[in-house]
C-alpha atoms as a PDB file:
ATOM      1  CA  MET A   1      71.231  94.809 126.314  1.00  0.00           C
ATOM      2  CA  PHE A   2      72.227  96.167 129.689  1.00  0.00           C
ATOM      3  CA  ARG A   3      71.871  94.284 132.934  1.00  0.00           C
ATOM      4  CA  PRO A   4      70.896  96.223 136.064  1.00  0.00           C
ATOM      5  CA  LEU A   5      73.679  97.391 138.326  1.00  0.00           C
ATOM      6  CA  ASP A   6      74.968  94.955 140.887  1.00  0.00           C
ATOM      7  CA  LEU A   7      75.761  96.488 144.269  1.00  0.00           C
ATOM      8  CA  SER A   8      78.077  94.639 146.585  1.00  0.00           C
ATOM      9  CA  ARG A   9      77.546  94.939 150.321  1.00  0.00           C
ATOM     10  CA  ALA A  10      81.024  93.651 151.073  1.00  0.00           C
ATOM     11  CA  PRO A  11      82.964  96.355 152.939  1.00  0.00           C
ATOM     12  CA  VAL A  12      86.135  96.574 150.874  1.00  0.00           C
ATOM     13  CA  LEU A  13      87.449  99.999 151.856  1.00  0.00           C
ATOM     14  CA  HIS A  14      86.187 100.219 155.430  1.00  0.00           C
ATOM     15  CA  PRO A  15      85.898  96.883 157.253  1.00  0.00           C
ATOM     16  CA  GLY A  16      82.782  96.755 159.388  1.00  0.00           C
ATOM     17  CA  ALA A  17      81.058  99.556 157.451  1.00  0.00           C
ATOM     18  CA  LYS A  18      77.664  99.074 155.832  1.00  0.00           C
ATOM     19  CA  GLY A  19      76.459 100.011 152.378  1.00  0.00           C
ATOM     20  CA  PRO A  20      77.640  99.507 148.820  1.00  0.00           C
ATOM     21  CA  THR A  21      81.372  99.566 148.283  1.00  0.00           C
ATOM     22  CA  GLN A  22      81.519  98.323 144.697  1.00  0.00           C
ATOM     23  CA  LEU A  23      79.531  99.371 141.676  1.00  0.00           C
ATOM     24  CA  ILE A  24      79.568  96.785 138.893  1.00  0.00           C
ATOM     25  CA  THR A  25      77.733  96.910 135.580  1.00  0.00           C
ATOM     26  CA  SER A  26      77.913  94.534 132.669  1.00  0.00           C
ATOM     27  CA  THR A  27      77.079  94.946 129.012  1.00  0.00           C
ATOM     28  CA  ILE A  28      75.732  91.890 127.261  1.00  0.00           C
ATOM     29  CA  HIS A  29      76.299  91.811 123.517  1.00  0.00           C
ATOM     30  CA  GLY A  30      74.568  89.017 121.652  1.00  0.00           C
ATOM     31  CA  LEU A  31      76.014  87.073 118.744  1.00  0.00           C
ATOM     32  CA  THR A  32      76.520  88.797 115.396  1.00  0.00           C
ATOM     33  CA  SER A  33      76.650  87.047 112.032  1.00  0.00           C
ATOM     34  CA  VAL A  34      79.942  87.684 110.244  1.00  0.00           C
ATOM     35  CA  PHE A  35      81.108  86.544 106.818  1.00  0.00           C
ATOM     36  CA  GLY A  36      84.648  87.143 105.658  1.00  0.00           C
ATOM     37  CA  GLY A  37      87.977  85.959 104.478  1.00  0.00           C
ATOM     38  CA  SER A  38      91.675  86.689 104.708  1.00  0.00           C
ATOM     39  CA  LEU A  39      94.815  86.212 102.673  1.00  0.00           C
ATOM     40  CA  SER A  40      98.508  86.533 103.462  1.00  0.00           C
ATOM     41  CA  PHE A  41     101.623  85.798 101.418  1.00  0.00           C
ATOM     42  CA  PHE A  42     105.330  86.558 101.257  1.00  0.00           C
ATOM     43  CA  SER A  43     106.320  89.038  98.558  1.00  0.00           C
ATOM     44  CA  ASN A  44     109.881  88.752  97.214  1.00  0.00           C
ATOM     45  CA  PRO A  45     109.956  92.249  95.643  1.00  0.00           C
ATOM     46  CA  LEU A  46     108.825  93.835  98.926  1.00  0.00           C
ATOM     47  CA  ASP A  47     110.797  91.349 101.061  1.00  0.00           C
ATOM     48  CA  GLY A  48     107.923  91.085 103.524  1.00  0.00           C
ATOM     49  CA  ILE A  49     104.529  89.631 104.287  1.00  0.00           C
ATOM     50  CA  VAL A  50     101.479  91.184 102.657  1.00  0.00           C
ATOM     51  CA  ARG A  51      98.141  90.457 104.320  1.00  0.00           C
ATOM     52  CA  GLY A  52      94.530  91.364 103.755  1.00  0.00           C
ATOM     53  CA  GLU A  53      91.222  90.706 105.470  1.00  0.00           C
ATOM     54  CA  VAL A  54      87.589  91.628 104.807  1.00  0.00           C
ATOM     55  CA  GLU A  55      84.456  90.994 106.922  1.00  0.00           C
ATOM     56  CA  TYR A  56      80.764  91.656 106.383  1.00  0.00           C
ATOM     57  CA  PHE A  57      78.877  92.129 109.669  1.00  0.00           C
ATOM     58  CA  LEU A  58      75.180  91.407 109.291  1.00  0.00           C
ATOM     59  CA  ASP A  59      72.634  93.222 111.467  1.00  0.00           C
ATOM     60  CA  GLU A  60      74.894  94.241 114.357  1.00  0.00           C
ATOM     61  CA  PRO A  61      74.241  97.016 116.913  1.00  0.00           C
ATOM     62  CA  ALA A  62      75.552 100.233 115.366  1.00  0.00           C
ATOM     63  CA  PHE A  63      75.641 104.007 115.524  1.00  0.00           C
ATOM     64  CA  ILE A  64      73.605 105.746 112.824  1.00  0.00           C
ATOM     65  CA  PRO A  65      73.461 109.494 113.563  1.00  0.00           C
ATOM     66  CA  GLY A  66      70.006 110.033 112.052  1.00  0.00           C
ATOM     67  CA  GLU A  67      68.539 107.307 114.251  1.00  0.00           C
ATOM     68  CA  ASN A  68      70.649 107.523 117.420  1.00  0.00           C
ATOM     69  CA  ILE A  69      70.379 111.294 117.732  1.00  0.00           C
ATOM     70  CA  PRO A  70      66.854 112.147 116.559  1.00  0.00           C
ATOM     71  CA  PHE A  71      66.463 115.782 117.607  1.00  0.00           C
ATOM     72  CA  GLU A  72      62.706 115.699 117.004  1.00  0.00           C
ATOM     73  CA  ASN A  73      62.445 113.320 119.972  1.00  0.00           C
ATOM     74  CA  LEU A  74      63.588 116.135 122.267  1.00  0.00           C
ATOM     75  CA  THR A  75      60.434 118.124 121.508  1.00  0.00           C
ATOM     76  CA  ARG A  76      58.277 115.133 122.487  1.00  0.00           C
ATOM     77  CA  SER A  77      59.355 115.214 126.129  1.00  0.00           C
ATOM     78  CA  PRO A  78      56.372 116.171 128.340  1.00  0.00           C
ATOM     79  CA  ALA A  79      57.983 119.313 129.782  1.00  0.00           C
ATOM     80  CA  LEU A  80      58.935 120.717 126.377  1.00  0.00           C
ATOM     81  CA  ARG A  81      55.626 119.682 124.812  1.00  0.00           C
ATOM     82  CA  LYS A  82      53.713 121.737 127.437  1.00  0.00           C
ATOM     83  CA  PHE A  83      55.782 124.745 126.449  1.00  0.00           C
ATOM     84  CA  LEU A  84      55.703 124.339 122.621  1.00  0.00           C
ATOM     85  CA  VAL A  85      52.083 123.312 121.943  1.00  0.00           C
ATOM     86  CA  PRO A  86      50.510 126.513 123.372  1.00  0.00           C
ATOM     87  CA  LEU A  87      52.866 128.506 121.139  1.00  0.00           C
ATOM     88  CA  GLY A  88      51.388 126.775 118.077  1.00  0.00           C
ATOM     89  CA  ALA A  89      54.189 124.311 117.382  1.00  0.00           C
ATOM     90  CA  LYS A  90      53.171 120.970 115.932  1.00  0.00           C
ATOM     91  CA  VAL A  91      54.831 118.164 117.841  1.00  0.00           C
ATOM     92  CA  LYS A  92      54.577 114.815 116.090  1.00  0.00           C
ATOM     93  CA  PRO A  93      53.790 111.822 118.289  1.00  0.00           C
ATOM     94  CA  GLY A  94      56.415 109.148 118.692  1.00  0.00           C
ATOM     95  CA  PRO A  95      59.076 107.788 121.002  1.00  0.00           C
ATOM     96  CA  THR A  96      60.800 110.105 123.452  1.00  0.00           C
ATOM     97  CA  ALA A  97      63.869 107.936 124.081  1.00  0.00           C
ATOM     98  CA  GLY A  98      66.591 106.729 121.775  1.00  0.00           C
ATOM     99  CA  PHE A  99      67.397 103.142 120.879  1.00  0.00           C
ATOM    100  CA  VAL A 100      70.235 101.152 119.390  1.00  0.00           C
ATOM    101  CA  PRO A 101      69.635 100.536 115.691  1.00  0.00           C
ATOM    102  CA  ARG A 102      71.060  97.573 113.837  1.00  0.00           C
ATOM    103  CA  ALA A 103      73.179  97.936 110.723  1.00  0.00           C
ATOM    104  CA  ASP A 104      75.245  96.066 108.182  1.00  0.00           C
ATOM    105  CA  ALA A 105      78.953  96.952 108.109  1.00  0.00           C
ATOM    106  CA  LEU A 106      81.918  96.127 105.899  1.00  0.00           C
ATOM    107  CA  ARG A 107      85.320  96.138 107.602  1.00  0.00           C
ATOM    108  CA  TRP A 108      88.722  95.506 106.061  1.00  0.00           C
ATOM    109  CA  GLU A 109      92.437  95.545 106.754  1.00  0.00           C
ATOM    110  CA  ILE A 110      95.460  95.656 104.469  1.00  0.00           C
ATOM    111  CA  GLY A 111      98.808  95.114 106.144  1.00  0.00           C
ATOM    112  CA  PHE A 112     102.524  94.727 105.554  1.00  0.00           C
ATOM    113  CA  ASP A 113     105.011  93.055 107.927  1.00  0.00           C
ATOM    114  CA  ARG A 114     108.777  92.927 107.519  1.00  0.00           C
ATOM    115  CA  PHE A 115     111.525  91.431 109.646  1.00  0.00           C
ATOM    116  CA  PHE A 116     114.926  93.152 109.671  1.00  0.00           C
ATOM    117  CA  PHE A 117     118.170  93.181 111.594  1.00  0.00           C
ATOM    118  CA  ALA A 118     119.603  96.316 113.211  1.00  0.00           C
ATOM    119  CA  ARG A 119     123.052  95.157 114.280  1.00  0.00           C
ATOM    120  CA  THR A 120     123.837  98.425 116.098  1.00  0.00           C
ATOM    121  CA  PHE A 121     120.870  97.942 118.470  1.00  0.00           C
ATOM    122  CA  ASN A 122     121.004  94.181 118.900  1.00  0.00           C
ATOM    123  CA  PRO A 123     123.436  92.004 116.930  1.00  0.00           C
ATOM    124  CA  SER A 124     121.613  88.694 117.486  1.00  0.00           C
ATOM    125  CA  LYS A 125     117.892  89.512 117.355  1.00  0.00           C
ATOM    126  CA  SER A 126     115.636  90.693 114.575  1.00  0.00           C
ATOM    127  CA  PHE A 127     113.052  93.454 114.701  1.00  0.00           C
ATOM    128  CA  VAL A 128     109.669  93.421 113.018  1.00  0.00           C
ATOM    129  CA  TRP A 129     107.903  96.268 111.253  1.00  0.00           C
ATOM    130  CA  VAL A 130     104.109  95.886 111.353  1.00  0.00           C
ATOM    131  CA  SER A 131     101.822  98.287 109.517  1.00  0.00           C
ATOM    132  CA  ALA A 132      98.134  98.143 108.705  1.00  0.00           C
ATOM    133  CA  LEU A 133      95.437 100.196 107.046  1.00  0.00           C
ATOM    134  CA  VAL A 134      92.041  99.490 108.627  1.00  0.00           C
ATOM    135  CA  GLY A 135      88.665 100.597 107.288  1.00  0.00           C
ATOM    136  CA  ASP A 136      85.014 100.468 108.241  1.00  0.00           C
ATOM    137  CA  TRP A 137      81.941 101.261 106.147  1.00  0.00           C
ATOM    138  CA  ASN A 138      78.487 101.389 107.710  1.00  0.00           C
ATOM    139  CA  LEU A 139      76.410 100.203 104.749  1.00  0.00           C
ATOM    140  CA  SER A 140      73.062 100.846 106.431  1.00  0.00           C
ATOM    141  CA  GLU A 141      73.895 104.491 107.064  1.00  0.00           C
ATOM    142  CA  THR A 142      74.852 105.271 103.488  1.00  0.00           C
ATOM    143  CA  ALA A 143      72.042 103.183 101.977  1.00  0.00           C
ATOM    144  CA  SER A 144      69.300 105.193 103.717  1.00  0.00           C
END
């Protein structure tokens, strides 16, 4: 949900001037139900920390190309309809604007962290190697 723009009348750039000097907009994102779990452990053979995480997002705002970019909605605009209908084109009734669909998504991460010493760079401090593989699957897009 988007809140209308807030215009500030405070003259920030030019003291004494009138008119808007700041343009502020805010996006309000409601709560989303999430179910998930994570696991991390030290692996002796790898000499590092192995971690994993998985989340299931239920009914969150999402991008689904077939719903967010419905090209048939373009032909429903009044200006284009006036042009196409006399030519014999059949324009189905329906919405002319897009919307934000809701979808279920599965997200995961698999990571590996390792601490090591590099005496040539710094003889008293350790460095850390952090790596992760992150994935996302829009279940609602592939199910339809």
